[in-house]
Amino acid sequence: MLELSFPALRGTSGAPVLSNDDFMLWGIIVANVSYHLLPAQIESVLEAEKVMSEETRFMLPQAVAVNVRHVRAIINEL
């Protein structure tokens, strides 16, 4: 598996991961991973007495992809 350093939103499973230089296939996205400990943004709502009433954590999902070697092996079997 490849853990990619860019976000992959829901619904992108099956999308190819290509290199920028020669459009070589590196893998295929199969999942998203969000880390609870590393939110991209936190918004807090404080009441008049500085008591927190609400906190929202926005997670930045990262893509997880199958490495191209496994994709090639499946294609060769077919």
N, C-alpha and C. Protein backbone atom coordinates (compact mmCIF):
# COMPACT_ATOMS: atom_id res chain seq x y z
N MET A 1 0.84 -1.18 0.00
CA MET A 1 0.00 0.00 0.00
C MET A 1 0.89 1.25 0.00
N LEU A 2 0.38 2.27 -0.64
CA LEU A 2 1.03 3.57 -0.65
C LEU A 2 0.19 4.54 0.17
N GLU A 3 0.80 5.25 1.09
CA GLU A 3 0.10 6.32 1.79
C GLU A 3 0.54 7.62 1.14
N LEU A 4 -0.39 8.28 0.49
CA LEU A 4 -0.07 9.46 -0.31
C LEU A 4 -0.15 10.73 0.54
N SER A 5 0.62 11.70 0.18
CA SER A 5 0.71 12.93 0.97
C SER A 5 -0.25 14.00 0.49
N PHE A 6 -1.32 13.62 -0.18
CA PHE A 6 -2.32 14.57 -0.60
C PHE A 6 -3.69 14.04 -0.24
N PRO A 7 -4.68 14.93 -0.07
CA PRO A 7 -6.00 14.47 0.33
C PRO A 7 -6.71 13.73 -0.78
N ALA A 8 -7.50 12.77 -0.39
CA ALA A 8 -8.37 12.05 -1.32
C ALA A 8 -9.77 12.08 -0.72
N LEU A 9 -10.66 12.75 -1.36
CA LEU A 9 -12.01 12.88 -0.84
C LEU A 9 -12.81 11.61 -1.10
N ARG A 10 -13.93 11.48 -0.40
CA ARG A 10 -14.78 10.30 -0.60
C ARG A 10 -15.23 10.21 -2.05
N GLY A 11 -15.29 9.00 -2.54
CA GLY A 11 -15.72 8.79 -3.92
C GLY A 11 -14.58 8.72 -4.92
N THR A 12 -13.34 8.86 -4.47
CA THR A 12 -12.22 8.81 -5.40
C THR A 12 -11.60 7.42 -5.50
N SER A 13 -12.19 6.43 -4.86
CA SER A 13 -11.66 5.07 -4.98
C SER A 13 -11.66 4.64 -6.44
N GLY A 14 -10.57 4.03 -6.87
CA GLY A 14 -10.43 3.59 -8.25
C GLY A 14 -9.70 4.59 -9.13
N ALA A 15 -9.45 5.79 -8.60
CA ALA A 15 -8.73 6.80 -9.38
C ALA A 15 -7.25 6.44 -9.49
N PRO A 16 -6.66 6.65 -10.65
CA PRO A 16 -5.24 6.34 -10.80
C PRO A 16 -4.36 7.38 -10.12
N VAL A 17 -3.20 6.95 -9.65
CA VAL A 17 -2.18 7.85 -9.11
C VAL A 17 -1.07 7.88 -10.15
N LEU A 18 -0.87 9.03 -10.78
CA LEU A 18 0.09 9.17 -11.87
C LEU A 18 1.24 10.08 -11.47
N SER A 19 2.41 9.84 -12.07
CA SER A 19 3.54 10.74 -11.85
C SER A 19 3.34 12.01 -12.67
N ASN A 20 3.93 13.09 -12.25
CA ASN A 20 3.80 14.36 -12.97
C ASN A 20 4.63 14.41 -14.24
N ASP A 21 5.75 13.69 -14.27
CA ASP A 21 6.68 13.81 -15.39
C ASP A 21 6.21 13.11 -16.65
N ASP A 22 5.96 11.82 -16.53
CA ASP A 22 5.65 11.04 -17.73
C ASP A 22 4.33 10.29 -17.63
N PHE A 23 3.49 10.68 -16.69
CA PHE A 23 2.17 10.06 -16.48
C PHE A 23 2.26 8.55 -16.30
N MET A 24 3.29 8.10 -15.58
CA MET A 24 3.43 6.69 -15.24
C MET A 24 2.50 6.35 -14.09
N LEU A 25 1.87 5.20 -14.15
CA LEU A 25 0.96 4.76 -13.09
C LEU A 25 1.76 4.32 -11.88
N TRP A 26 1.44 4.90 -10.71
CA TRP A 26 2.10 4.51 -9.47
C TRP A 26 1.19 3.63 -8.63
N GLY A 27 -0.11 3.79 -8.77
CA GLY A 27 -1.05 3.01 -7.97
C GLY A 27 -2.48 3.40 -8.26
N ILE A 28 -3.40 2.79 -7.50
CA ILE A 28 -4.83 3.08 -7.63
C ILE A 28 -5.38 3.34 -6.23
N ILE A 29 -6.10 4.44 -6.06
CA ILE A 29 -6.64 4.81 -4.76
C ILE A 29 -7.72 3.82 -4.34
N VAL A 30 -7.61 3.34 -3.11
CA VAL A 30 -8.59 2.38 -2.60
C VAL A 30 -9.27 2.83 -1.32
N ALA A 31 -8.75 3.85 -0.63
CA ALA A 31 -9.33 4.26 0.65
C ALA A 31 -8.85 5.65 1.03
N ASN A 32 -9.48 6.18 2.06
CA ASN A 32 -9.09 7.44 2.68
C ASN A 32 -8.69 7.15 4.11
N VAL A 33 -7.76 7.90 4.63
CA VAL A 33 -7.33 7.74 6.02
C VAL A 33 -7.33 9.12 6.66
N SER A 34 -8.01 9.25 7.79
CA SER A 34 -7.97 10.49 8.56
C SER A 34 -7.36 10.19 9.91
N TYR A 35 -6.51 11.06 10.36
CA TYR A 35 -5.86 10.88 11.65
C TYR A 35 -6.52 11.76 12.68
N HIS A 36 -7.06 11.17 13.73
CA HIS A 36 -7.76 11.92 14.76
C HIS A 36 -6.82 12.89 15.47
N LEU A 37 -5.56 12.52 15.59
CA LEU A 37 -4.63 13.34 16.34
C LEU A 37 -4.09 14.53 15.55
N LEU A 38 -4.32 14.57 14.24
CA LEU A 38 -3.77 15.65 13.42
C LEU A 38 -4.87 16.38 12.64
N PRO A 39 -5.74 17.12 13.32
CA PRO A 39 -6.76 17.84 12.55
C PRO A 39 -6.14 18.97 11.75
N ALA A 40 -6.70 19.22 10.60
CA ALA A 40 -6.21 20.31 9.75
C ALA A 40 -6.67 21.66 10.29
N GLN A 41 -7.80 21.67 10.98
CA GLN A 41 -8.36 22.92 11.49
C GLN A 41 -9.27 22.59 12.66
N ILE A 42 -9.27 23.41 13.69
CA ILE A 42 -10.17 23.26 14.83
C ILE A 42 -10.90 24.58 15.03
N GLU A 43 -12.22 24.51 15.11
CA GLU A 43 -13.02 25.70 15.38
C GLU A 43 -13.76 25.49 16.69
N SER A 44 -13.64 26.45 17.59
CA SER A 44 -14.29 26.36 18.89
C SER A 44 -15.30 27.49 19.03
N VAL A 45 -16.42 27.18 19.69
CA VAL A 45 -17.44 28.18 19.99
C VAL A 45 -17.44 28.38 21.49
N LEU A 46 -17.18 29.62 21.91
CA LEU A 46 -17.14 29.93 23.33
C LEU A 46 -18.37 30.75 23.71
N GLU A 47 -18.92 30.45 24.87
CA GLU A 47 -20.03 31.23 25.38
C GLU A 47 -19.50 32.48 26.07
N ALA A 48 -20.37 33.32 26.55
CA ALA A 48 -19.98 34.60 27.13
C ALA A 48 -18.97 34.47 28.27
N GLU A 49 -19.03 33.41 29.02
CA GLU A 49 -18.14 33.24 30.17
C GLU A 49 -16.90 32.43 29.81
N LYS A 50 -16.54 32.40 28.53
CA LYS A 50 -15.36 31.68 28.03
C LYS A 50 -15.45 30.18 28.27
N VAL A 51 -16.66 29.67 28.33
CA VAL A 51 -16.89 28.23 28.47
C VAL A 51 -17.13 27.67 27.07
N MET A 52 -16.40 26.62 26.73
CA MET A 52 -16.55 26.05 25.40
C MET A 52 -17.86 25.29 25.31
N SER A 53 -18.66 25.62 24.31
CA SER A 53 -19.93 24.94 24.12
C SER A 53 -19.89 23.99 22.92
N GLU A 54 -18.92 24.20 22.03
CA GLU A 54 -18.85 23.35 20.84
C GLU A 54 -17.44 23.41 20.26
N GLU A 55 -16.96 22.27 19.77
CA GLU A 55 -15.67 22.22 19.08
C GLU A 55 -15.81 21.32 17.87
N THR A 56 -15.37 21.81 16.72
CA THR A 56 -15.42 21.03 15.48
C THR A 56 -13.99 20.83 14.99
N ARG A 57 -13.65 19.58 14.69
CA ARG A 57 -12.32 19.25 14.16
C ARG A 57 -12.48 18.85 12.69
N PHE A 58 -11.75 19.52 11.84
CA PHE A 58 -11.78 19.22 10.41
C PHE A 58 -10.54 18.39 10.09
N MET A 59 -10.77 17.18 9.62
CA MET A 59 -9.68 16.26 9.32
C MET A 59 -9.31 16.36 7.85
N LEU A 60 -8.05 16.22 7.56
CA LEU A 60 -7.57 16.23 6.18
C LEU A 60 -7.32 14.78 5.77
N PRO A 61 -8.23 14.20 5.00
CA PRO A 61 -8.04 12.80 4.62
C PRO A 61 -6.84 12.63 3.69
N GLN A 62 -6.14 11.53 3.85
CA GLN A 62 -5.04 11.18 2.96
C GLN A 62 -5.43 9.95 2.18
N ALA A 63 -4.90 9.82 1.00
CA ALA A 63 -5.23 8.68 0.15
C ALA A 63 -4.37 7.48 0.51
N VAL A 64 -4.97 6.31 0.39
CA VAL A 64 -4.23 5.05 0.48
C VAL A 64 -4.44 4.35 -0.86
N ALA A 65 -3.34 3.93 -1.49
CA ALA A 65 -3.42 3.35 -2.83
C ALA A 65 -2.71 2.00 -2.88
N VAL A 66 -3.19 1.14 -3.77
CA VAL A 66 -2.52 -0.13 -4.05
C VAL A 66 -1.33 0.17 -4.94
N ASN A 67 -0.18 -0.37 -4.60
CA ASN A 67 1.03 -0.14 -5.38
C ASN A 67 0.87 -0.71 -6.79
N VAL A 68 1.48 -0.07 -7.77
CA VAL A 68 1.35 -0.46 -9.16
C VAL A 68 1.85 -1.90 -9.42
N ARG A 69 2.80 -2.41 -8.61
CA ARG A 69 3.26 -3.80 -8.84
C ARG A 69 2.12 -4.79 -8.70
N HIS A 70 1.22 -4.52 -7.74
CA HIS A 70 0.09 -5.44 -7.55
C HIS A 70 -0.92 -5.29 -8.69
N VAL A 71 -1.08 -4.05 -9.17
CA VAL A 71 -1.98 -3.81 -10.31
C VAL A 71 -1.45 -4.55 -11.54
N ARG A 72 -0.13 -4.45 -11.80
CA ARG A 72 0.47 -5.15 -12.94
C ARG A 72 0.31 -6.66 -12.83
N ALA A 73 0.47 -7.21 -11.62
CA ALA A 73 0.34 -8.66 -11.42
C ALA A 73 -1.07 -9.12 -11.76
N ILE A 74 -2.07 -8.37 -11.37
CA ILE A 74 -3.45 -8.73 -11.67
C ILE A 74 -3.71 -8.65 -13.17
N ILE A 75 -3.21 -7.59 -13.81
CA ILE A 75 -3.40 -7.43 -15.26
C ILE A 75 -2.72 -8.59 -16.01
N ASN A 76 -1.53 -8.97 -15.58
CA ASN A 76 -0.82 -10.07 -16.23
C ASN A 76 -1.54 -11.40 -16.07
N GLU A 77 -2.23 -11.60 -14.95
CA GLU A 77 -2.99 -12.84 -14.75
C GLU A 77 -4.19 -12.90 -15.67
N LEU A 78 -4.77 -11.75 -15.99
CA LEU A 78 -5.94 -11.72 -16.85
C LEU A 78 -5.54 -11.95 -18.28
